[in-house]
Structure formats: C-alpha cells, structure tokens
C-alpha cells in the first residue's frame, strides 16, 4: 500500500483528489495538510511514501516545504500538483528534490499512475512541463552568452570557445567539436585569454564562471 499525504490549502480540491486516489486499491491517503508547515509536521509523524504538494499556500509554500521534507527524510517522494506552470516554480521544485511536477488538469488515471511511478522512483514530467524546463535552460544559456560576450568584447566564436573552456573541454575536444584545425583553435584560445586578461586555462575558467 502506498501512503500518500495531500497538501493543498483548498480543501474542496483536496477532497476530490483524495476520492480519485482511493479508487485505487494500491493507494491510501494517510493525511491532508493545508500548508507547507503542517505538511512538514505530518511527515515527521506519519512518514508518508508520497506527498502530493501544491505550490502557492500560506505560511510555507510548496517549494520551501519540498526542500524541508527532503532534508527531513530523503526517501519521501514529493510530486508537485498545482495549477501553475511557471518555469521558475518548476525548476525550483525539481532542484529542491521534487520527483515530479503535474498540473491539476491531469486525468484521474494519469494521477494514479503518477503516484505509483513516483513511489517506484521515476521522475514525473509531462511533455508540457519538460518543454518549460528546456525553454528555461535555453534562456539561461543565451543569457550567459550575452553577458560573457559583452563583459570581454568577445566574438561569437570566442564566446562559444570560452564557454567550452569553462566546461572543461580540452583544446583537441574544442577543435573537433567546432570542426577547427588545432592551430586555428589555439589562436582562438590565445585571443580569449588575451581578452580575459589571463594566461592559463584554470584562470580563464574561473574568470568566465565569475562573470555570470
């Protein structure tokens, strides 16, 4: 039996979710909390297998509660179940240990499957949510490129190479990835060093990372 804790400040919605989960013989709702603080206390008392967590709640929101619960007991699986698909919420929840992120328009069957899959150790990210994460990562990457390029007056190619240096690529790996000759690659790297004001790979990587 999978013991589930429901965390939602809208009790009428929580009751509906409870009814859906109880339609499965493998799931039992062991408690219902109205906010993150209450959820944390219930996790101390009941140690549920899976927590279905809303995001926006009074006293302690779902992201903070996720972090606190995972610090309390990392074995507890937490799945965010909310109406908000903001990329910041999604990334913060996942970074704080959530096993998945679902929207409340999910079907009853899919919700039951999500709870079972989370209990088994799977990560639950529907395609719409996964796309949000991908888009956010692209935006972060583009932001890094712009900051680095402006900070040191780098060309597009030099920016590309600088980021690869920061990620630990060797000269040969950079040359192969960008289809450059070893000599051309070395010239680009020398130009990057000059603009960064450094004379070693370690110093270059540190300066690049500190510019973000």
Protein backbone atom coordinates (compact mmCIF):
# COMPACT_ATOMS: atom_id res chain seq x y z
CA UNK A 1 0.00 0.00 0.00
CA UNK A 2 1.31 3.44 -0.98
CA UNK A 3 0.66 6.01 1.76
CA UNK A 4 0.05 9.49 0.33
CA UNK A 5 -0.06 12.87 2.07
CA UNK A 6 -2.12 15.57 0.30
CA UNK A 7 -1.02 19.18 0.76
CA UNK A 8 -3.41 21.83 -0.55
CA UNK A 9 -4.95 24.93 1.04
CA UNK A 10 -8.15 24.42 -0.97
CA UNK A 11 -9.82 21.62 0.95
CA UNK A 12 -12.58 21.01 -1.59
CA UNK A 13 -9.94 20.25 -4.24
CA UNK A 14 -8.00 18.06 -1.83
CA UNK A 15 -11.15 16.05 -1.09
CA UNK A 16 -11.64 15.48 -4.81
CA UNK A 17 -8.04 14.31 -5.20
CA UNK A 18 -8.48 12.02 -2.20
CA UNK A 19 -11.52 10.40 -3.82
CA UNK A 20 -9.57 9.82 -7.03
CA UNK A 21 -6.66 8.19 -5.20
CA UNK A 22 -8.93 5.99 -3.10
CA UNK A 23 -10.32 4.49 -6.30
CA UNK A 24 -7.04 2.57 -6.47
CA UNK A 25 -6.60 -0.46 -4.21
CA UNK A 26 -2.87 0.30 -4.00
CA UNK A 27 -3.09 3.85 -2.61
CA UNK A 28 -4.21 5.19 0.77
CA UNK A 29 -4.37 8.87 1.75
CA UNK A 30 -2.83 8.93 5.22
CA UNK A 31 -3.23 12.66 5.85
CA UNK A 32 -4.21 16.07 4.50
CA UNK A 33 -2.36 19.32 5.20
CA UNK A 34 -3.38 22.90 4.44
CA UNK A 35 0.11 24.36 4.05
CA UNK A 36 3.82 23.50 3.99
CA UNK A 37 4.32 23.85 7.74
CA UNK A 38 1.55 21.40 8.50
CA UNK A 39 2.88 19.07 5.81
CA UNK A 40 6.33 19.05 7.40
CA UNK A 41 4.85 18.19 10.82
CA UNK A 42 2.77 15.38 9.30
CA UNK A 43 5.81 13.97 7.54
CA UNK A 44 7.57 13.82 10.91
CA UNK A 45 4.63 11.91 12.39
CA UNK A 46 3.50 9.67 9.52
CA UNK A 47 6.48 9.41 7.14
CA UNK A 48 4.31 9.01 4.01
CA UNK A 49 5.64 7.32 0.90
CA UNK A 50 4.49 10.07 -1.48
CA UNK A 51 3.48 13.70 -0.94
CA UNK A 52 1.24 15.46 -3.46
CA UNK A 53 2.16 19.11 -2.92
CA UNK A 54 0.51 22.33 -4.08
CA UNK A 55 2.76 25.34 -4.76
CA UNK A 56 1.05 28.51 -3.57
CA UNK A 57 -0.05 28.13 0.06
CA UNK A 58 0.01 30.31 3.20
CA UNK A 59 2.75 30.07 5.87
CA UNK A 60 5.10 27.89 3.79
CA UNK A 61 4.83 27.36 0.04
CA UNK A 62 5.32 24.07 -1.75
CA UNK A 63 8.86 24.73 -2.94
CA UNK A 64 10.17 25.51 0.55
CA UNK A 65 8.19 22.63 2.03
CA UNK A 66 9.67 20.25 -0.54
CA UNK A 67 13.19 21.26 0.48
CA UNK A 68 12.42 20.89 4.20
CA UNK A 69 10.75 17.50 3.79
CA UNK A 70 13.59 16.11 1.66
CA UNK A 71 16.08 17.29 4.30
CA UNK A 72 13.97 15.55 6.94
CA UNK A 73 13.61 12.28 5.02
CA UNK A 74 15.05 11.91 1.53
CA UNK A 75 13.10 8.68 0.98
CA UNK A 76 9.78 10.55 0.83
CA UNK A 77 8.80 11.17 -2.80
CA UNK A 78 7.27 14.58 -3.48
CA UNK A 79 5.21 15.35 -6.56
CA UNK A 80 4.05 18.90 -7.16
CA UNK A 81 0.36 19.07 -8.13
CA UNK A 82 -0.67 22.61 -9.00
CA UNK A 83 -2.36 24.92 -11.48
CA UNK A 84 0.82 26.97 -12.00
CA UNK A 85 3.21 26.05 -14.83
CA UNK A 86 5.68 28.90 -14.31
CA UNK A 87 9.21 27.74 -15.22
CA UNK A 88 10.70 29.25 -12.02
CA UNK A 89 8.34 27.19 -9.87
CA UNK A 90 9.12 24.05 -11.87
CA UNK A 91 12.91 24.45 -11.73
CA UNK A 92 12.95 25.41 -8.04
CA UNK A 93 10.75 22.46 -7.13
CA UNK A 94 12.90 19.97 -9.06
CA UNK A 95 16.12 21.50 -7.71
CA UNK A 96 14.78 21.15 -4.17
CA UNK A 97 14.12 17.44 -4.61
CA UNK A 98 10.66 17.05 -6.14
CA UNK A 99 10.19 13.80 -8.06
CA UNK A 100 7.76 15.36 -10.48
CA UNK A 101 5.58 18.29 -11.44
CA UNK A 102 1.95 17.85 -12.50
CA UNK A 103 -0.87 20.22 -13.40
CA UNK A 104 -4.30 19.79 -11.85
CA UNK A 105 -5.94 19.27 -15.22
CA UNK A 106 -4.44 15.75 -15.19
CA UNK A 107 -6.84 12.83 -15.61
CA UNK A 108 -7.71 10.56 -12.69
CA UNK A 109 -5.97 7.56 -14.26
CA UNK A 110 -2.83 9.57 -15.02
CA UNK A 111 -2.69 10.90 -11.45
CA UNK A 112 -2.90 7.39 -10.00
CA UNK A 113 -0.17 6.22 -12.38
CA UNK A 114 1.98 9.24 -11.43
CA UNK A 115 1.76 8.38 -7.73
CA UNK A 116 2.71 4.75 -8.43
CA UNK A 117 5.58 5.78 -10.70
CA UNK A 118 6.91 8.31 -8.21
CA UNK A 119 6.78 5.67 -5.48
CA UNK A 120 8.84 3.40 -7.77
CA UNK A 121 11.48 6.10 -8.15
CA UNK A 122 10.56 7.58 -11.52
CA UNK A 123 10.66 11.27 -12.35
CA UNK A 124 7.23 12.55 -13.40
CA UNK A 125 7.42 15.32 -16.00
CA UNK A 126 4.67 15.54 -18.63
CA UNK A 127 5.81 16.79 -22.04
CA UNK A 128 4.38 20.29 -21.46
CA UNK A 129 6.37 20.66 -18.23
CA UNK A 130 9.53 19.16 -19.75
CA UNK A 131 9.32 21.73 -22.56
CA UNK A 132 9.09 24.54 -20.00
CA UNK A 133 12.32 23.29 -18.40
CA UNK A 134 14.06 23.03 -21.77
CA UNK A 135 12.95 26.52 -22.78
CA UNK A 136 14.14 27.94 -19.45
CA UNK A 137 17.53 26.23 -19.86
CA UNK A 138 17.88 27.74 -23.36
CA UNK A 139 17.11 31.19 -21.97
CA UNK A 140 19.73 30.77 -19.24
CA UNK A 141 22.28 29.64 -21.82
CA UNK A 142 21.53 32.60 -24.09
CA UNK A 143 21.78 34.97 -21.12
CA UNK A 144 25.22 33.57 -20.27
CA UNK A 145 26.37 34.06 -23.84
CA UNK A 146 25.26 37.70 -23.89
CA UNK A 147 26.83 38.50 -20.50
CA UNK A 148 30.13 36.87 -21.41
CA UNK A 149 30.27 38.46 -24.85
CA UNK A 150 29.61 41.96 -23.50
CA UNK A 151 31.88 41.63 -20.48
CA UNK A 152 35.00 40.84 -22.51
CA UNK A 153 34.10 42.05 -26.01
CA UNK A 154 34.30 38.52 -27.42
CA UNK A 155 33.24 37.47 -30.90
CA UNK A 156 30.54 34.81 -31.28
CA UNK A 157 33.17 32.12 -31.89
CA UNK A 158 35.31 33.29 -28.96
CA UNK A 159 32.25 33.22 -26.70
CA UNK A 160 31.50 29.67 -27.79
CA UNK A 161 35.07 28.59 -27.09
CA UNK A 162 35.19 30.43 -23.75
CA UNK A 163 32.10 28.55 -22.54
CA UNK A 164 33.67 25.25 -23.60
CA UNK A 165 36.84 26.14 -21.69
CA UNK A 166 34.73 26.83 -18.60
CA UNK A 167 33.06 23.42 -19.05
CA UNK A 168 36.46 21.68 -19.05
CA UNK A 169 36.89 20.85 -22.75
CA UNK A 170 40.46 20.32 -23.95
CA UNK A 171 41.91 22.12 -27.00
CA UNK A 172 41.56 18.96 -29.06
CA UNK A 173 37.93 18.43 -27.99
CA UNK A 174 37.07 22.04 -28.80
CA UNK A 175 38.71 21.79 -32.21
CA UNK A 176 36.90 18.55 -33.01
CA UNK A 177 33.51 19.81 -31.81
CA UNK A 178 33.74 23.06 -33.78
CA UNK A 179 35.48 21.48 -36.79
CA UNK A 180 38.57 23.70 -36.47
CA UNK A 181 42.20 22.86 -37.11
CA UNK A 182 44.32 22.57 -33.96
CA UNK A 183 46.25 25.69 -34.98
CA UNK A 184 43.11 27.78 -35.53
CA UNK A 185 41.70 26.56 -32.24
CA UNK A 186 44.89 27.56 -30.39
CA UNK A 187 44.72 31.03 -31.97
CA UNK A 188 41.15 31.49 -30.81
CA UNK A 189 42.03 30.33 -27.29
CA UNK A 190 45.01 32.73 -27.18
CA UNK A 191 42.67 35.56 -28.19
CA UNK A 192 40.21 34.56 -25.47
CA UNK A 193 43.00 34.53 -22.86
CA UNK A 194 44.13 37.99 -24.01
CA UNK A 195 40.65 39.49 -23.74
CA UNK A 196 40.05 37.84 -20.38
CA UNK A 197 43.40 39.08 -19.10
CA UNK A 198 44.62 35.63 -18.05
CA UNK A 199 47.43 33.31 -19.03
CA UNK A 200 46.18 29.86 -18.01
CA UNK A 201 43.21 27.58 -18.58
CA UNK A 202 42.36 27.44 -14.87
CA UNK A 203 42.36 31.22 -14.56
CA UNK A 204 40.28 31.54 -17.73
CA UNK A 205 37.66 29.06 -16.49
CA UNK A 206 37.42 30.83 -13.13
CA UNK A 207 37.10 34.28 -14.72
CA UNK A 208 34.41 33.06 -17.12
CA UNK A 209 32.34 31.44 -14.35
CA UNK A 210 32.63 34.53 -12.17
CA UNK A 211 31.24 36.70 -14.97
CA UNK A 212 27.78 35.09 -14.84
